[in-house]
C-alpha atoms as a PDB file:
ATOM      1  CA  MET A   1     -14.926  11.756 -17.975  1.00  0.00           C
ATOM      2  CA  ALA A   2     -16.658  11.392 -14.645  1.00  0.00           C
ATOM      3  CA  GLU A   3     -16.095  13.938 -11.928  1.00  0.00           C
ATOM      4  CA  GLU A   4     -13.670  12.863  -9.263  1.00  0.00           C
ATOM      5  CA  GLU A   5     -15.168  12.413  -5.823  1.00  0.00           C
ATOM      6  CA  LYS A   6     -13.376  14.502  -3.223  1.00  0.00           C
ATOM      7  CA  PRO A   7     -13.249  13.264   0.341  1.00  0.00           C
ATOM      8  CA  SER A   8     -15.334  15.437   2.608  1.00  0.00           C
ATOM      9  CA  GLU A   9     -15.637  15.752   6.334  1.00  0.00           C
ATOM     10  CA  ASP A  10     -18.862  13.728   6.194  1.00  0.00           C
ATOM     11  CA  LEU A  11     -17.035  10.848   4.496  1.00  0.00           C
ATOM     12  CA  VAL A  12     -14.281  10.879   7.115  1.00  0.00           C
ATOM     13  CA  GLU A  13     -16.815  11.026   9.947  1.00  0.00           C
ATOM     14  CA  LYS A  14     -18.782   8.132   8.402  1.00  0.00           C
ATOM     15  CA  ALA A  15     -15.601   6.035   8.148  1.00  0.00           C
ATOM     16  CA  LYS A  16     -14.760   6.750  11.783  1.00  0.00           C
ATOM     17  CA  ALA A  17     -18.286   5.860  12.870  1.00  0.00           C
ATOM     18  CA  ASP A  18     -18.166   2.615  10.854  1.00  0.00           C
ATOM     19  CA  LYS A  19     -14.840   1.739  12.449  1.00  0.00           C
ATOM     20  CA  GLN A  20     -16.284   2.317  15.931  1.00  0.00           C
ATOM     21  CA  GLN A  21     -19.226   0.021  15.148  1.00  0.00           C
ATOM     22  CA  ALA A  22     -17.017  -2.761  13.759  1.00  0.00           C
ATOM     23  CA  LYS A  23     -16.078  -4.538  16.946  1.00  0.00           C
ATOM     24  CA  GLY A  24     -14.344  -7.865  16.839  1.00  0.00           C
ATOM     25  CA  PRO A  25     -12.646  -9.638  13.943  1.00  0.00           C
ATOM     26  CA  ALA A  26     -15.875 -10.485  12.085  1.00  0.00           C
ATOM     27  CA  GLY A  27     -17.049  -6.875  12.202  1.00  0.00           C
ATOM     28  CA  ARG A  28     -13.724  -5.610  10.908  1.00  0.00           C
ATOM     29  CA  VAL A  29     -13.714  -8.126   8.047  1.00  0.00           C
ATOM     30  CA  THR A  30     -17.284  -7.182   7.129  1.00  0.00           C
ATOM     31  CA  LEU A  31     -16.387  -3.477   7.213  1.00  0.00           C
ATOM     32  CA  PHE A  32     -13.337  -4.117   5.038  1.00  0.00           C
ATOM     33  CA  VAL A  33     -15.364  -6.057   2.453  1.00  0.00           C
ATOM     34  CA  ARG A  34     -18.048  -3.328   2.364  1.00  0.00           C
ATOM     35  CA  GLN A  35     -15.403  -0.627   1.873  1.00  0.00           C
ATOM     36  CA  VAL A  36     -13.678  -2.635  -0.881  1.00  0.00           C
ATOM     37  CA  ILE A  37     -16.950  -3.124  -2.751  1.00  0.00           C
ATOM     38  CA  ASN A  38     -17.718   0.584  -2.362  1.00  0.00           C
ATOM     39  CA  GLU A  39     -14.306   1.564  -3.793  1.00  0.00           C
ATOM     40  CA  LEU A  40     -14.569  -0.931  -6.656  1.00  0.00           C
ATOM     41  CA  SER A  41     -17.874   0.629  -7.687  1.00  0.00           C
ATOM     42  CA  LYS A  42     -15.957   3.887  -8.341  1.00  0.00           C
ATOM     43  CA  VAL A  43     -13.506   2.248 -10.765  1.00  0.00           C
ATOM     44  CA  THR A  44     -13.847   3.141 -14.432  1.00  0.00           C
ATOM     45  CA  ARG A  45     -12.950   0.323 -16.779  1.00  0.00           C
ATOM     46  CA  PRO A  46     -11.092   1.007 -20.029  1.00  0.00           C
ATOM     47  CA  THR A  47     -12.829   0.592 -23.357  1.00  0.00           C
ATOM     48  CA  ASN A  48     -11.807  -2.267 -25.639  1.00  0.00           C
ATOM     49  CA  LYS A  49      -9.768   0.127 -27.815  1.00  0.00           C
ATOM     50  CA  GLU A  50      -7.962   1.560 -24.766  1.00  0.00           C
ATOM     51  CA  LEU A  51      -7.274  -1.934 -23.428  1.00  0.00           C
ATOM     52  CA  ILE A  52      -5.705  -3.031 -26.725  1.00  0.00           C
ATOM     53  CA  ASN A  53      -3.645   0.173 -26.865  1.00  0.00           C
ATOM     54  CA  TYR A  54      -2.394  -0.286 -23.290  1.00  0.00           C
ATOM     55  CA  THR A  55      -1.575  -3.939 -23.974  1.00  0.00           C
ATOM     56  CA  TRP A  56       0.564  -3.092 -27.021  1.00  0.00           C
ATOM     57  CA  THR A  57       2.265  -0.301 -25.071  1.00  0.00           C
ATOM     58  CA  VAL A  58       3.224  -2.679 -22.253  1.00  0.00           C
ATOM     59  CA  LEU A  59       4.394  -5.393 -24.678  1.00  0.00           C
ATOM     60  CA  GLY A  60       6.491  -2.835 -26.571  1.00  0.00           C
ATOM     61  CA  PHE A  61       8.074  -1.573 -23.359  1.00  0.00           C
ATOM     62  CA  VAL A  62       8.864  -5.116 -22.223  1.00  0.00           C
ATOM     63  CA  ALA A  63      10.437  -5.912 -25.619  1.00  0.00           C
ATOM     64  CA  VAL A  64      12.638  -2.785 -25.447  1.00  0.00           C
ATOM     65  CA  MET A  65      13.735  -3.637 -21.897  1.00  0.00           C
ATOM     66  CA  MET A  66      14.574  -7.203 -22.981  1.00  0.00           C
ATOM     67  CA  VAL A  67      16.799  -5.844 -25.753  1.00  0.00           C
ATOM     68  CA  ILE A  68      18.559  -3.436 -23.384  1.00  0.00           C
ATOM     69  CA  ILE A  69      19.159  -6.105 -20.718  1.00  0.00           C
ATOM     70  CA  SER A  70      20.338  -8.617 -23.329  1.00  0.00           C
ATOM     71  CA  ALA A  71      22.792  -6.069 -24.733  1.00  0.00           C
ATOM     72  CA  LEU A  72      24.147  -5.270 -21.275  1.00  0.00           C
ATOM     73  CA  ASP A  73      24.446  -8.978 -20.506  1.00  0.00           C
ATOM     74  CA  TRP A  74      26.438  -9.526 -23.690  1.00  0.00           C
ATOM     75  CA  VAL A  75      28.714  -6.531 -22.933  1.00  0.00           C
ATOM     76  CA  PHE A  76      29.403  -7.709 -19.375  1.00  0.00           C
ATOM     77  CA  PHE A  77      30.011 -11.276 -20.581  1.00  0.00           C
ATOM     78  CA  SER A  78      32.481  -9.994 -23.168  1.00  0.00           C
ATOM     79  CA  VAL A  79      34.312  -7.800 -20.647  1.00  0.00           C
ATOM     80  CA  VAL A  80      34.564 -10.633 -18.098  1.00  0.00           C
ATOM     81  CA  GLY A  81      35.646 -13.078 -20.803  1.00  0.00           C
ATOM     82  CA  PHE A  82      38.308 -10.665 -22.070  1.00  0.00           C
ATOM     83  CA  THR A  83      39.519  -9.895 -18.537  1.00  0.00           C
ATOM     84  CA  PHE A  84      39.814 -13.459 -17.256  1.00  0.00           C
ATOM     85  CA  THR A  85      40.812 -15.371 -20.408  1.00  0.00           C
ATOM     86  CA  PRO A  86      44.551 -16.071 -20.466  1.00  0.00           C
END
């Protein structure tokens, strides 16, 4: 796995200097876009196997939550029906 980049004083000073140079709305937008592109270049993308594994994990979690919420809905419906039915 790649080494994590730690923020240093130089990085903070560079960001402050960039912010000082970015005067006006167009300069701020340009600075923002440059910083976003710089951060996106640091992103590591999952492999195909990891992506499939994460997808099945999320789908499984969603299915379990649907079952739990459906069960609670049925219990509350039954309790309200029992309470308010003459």
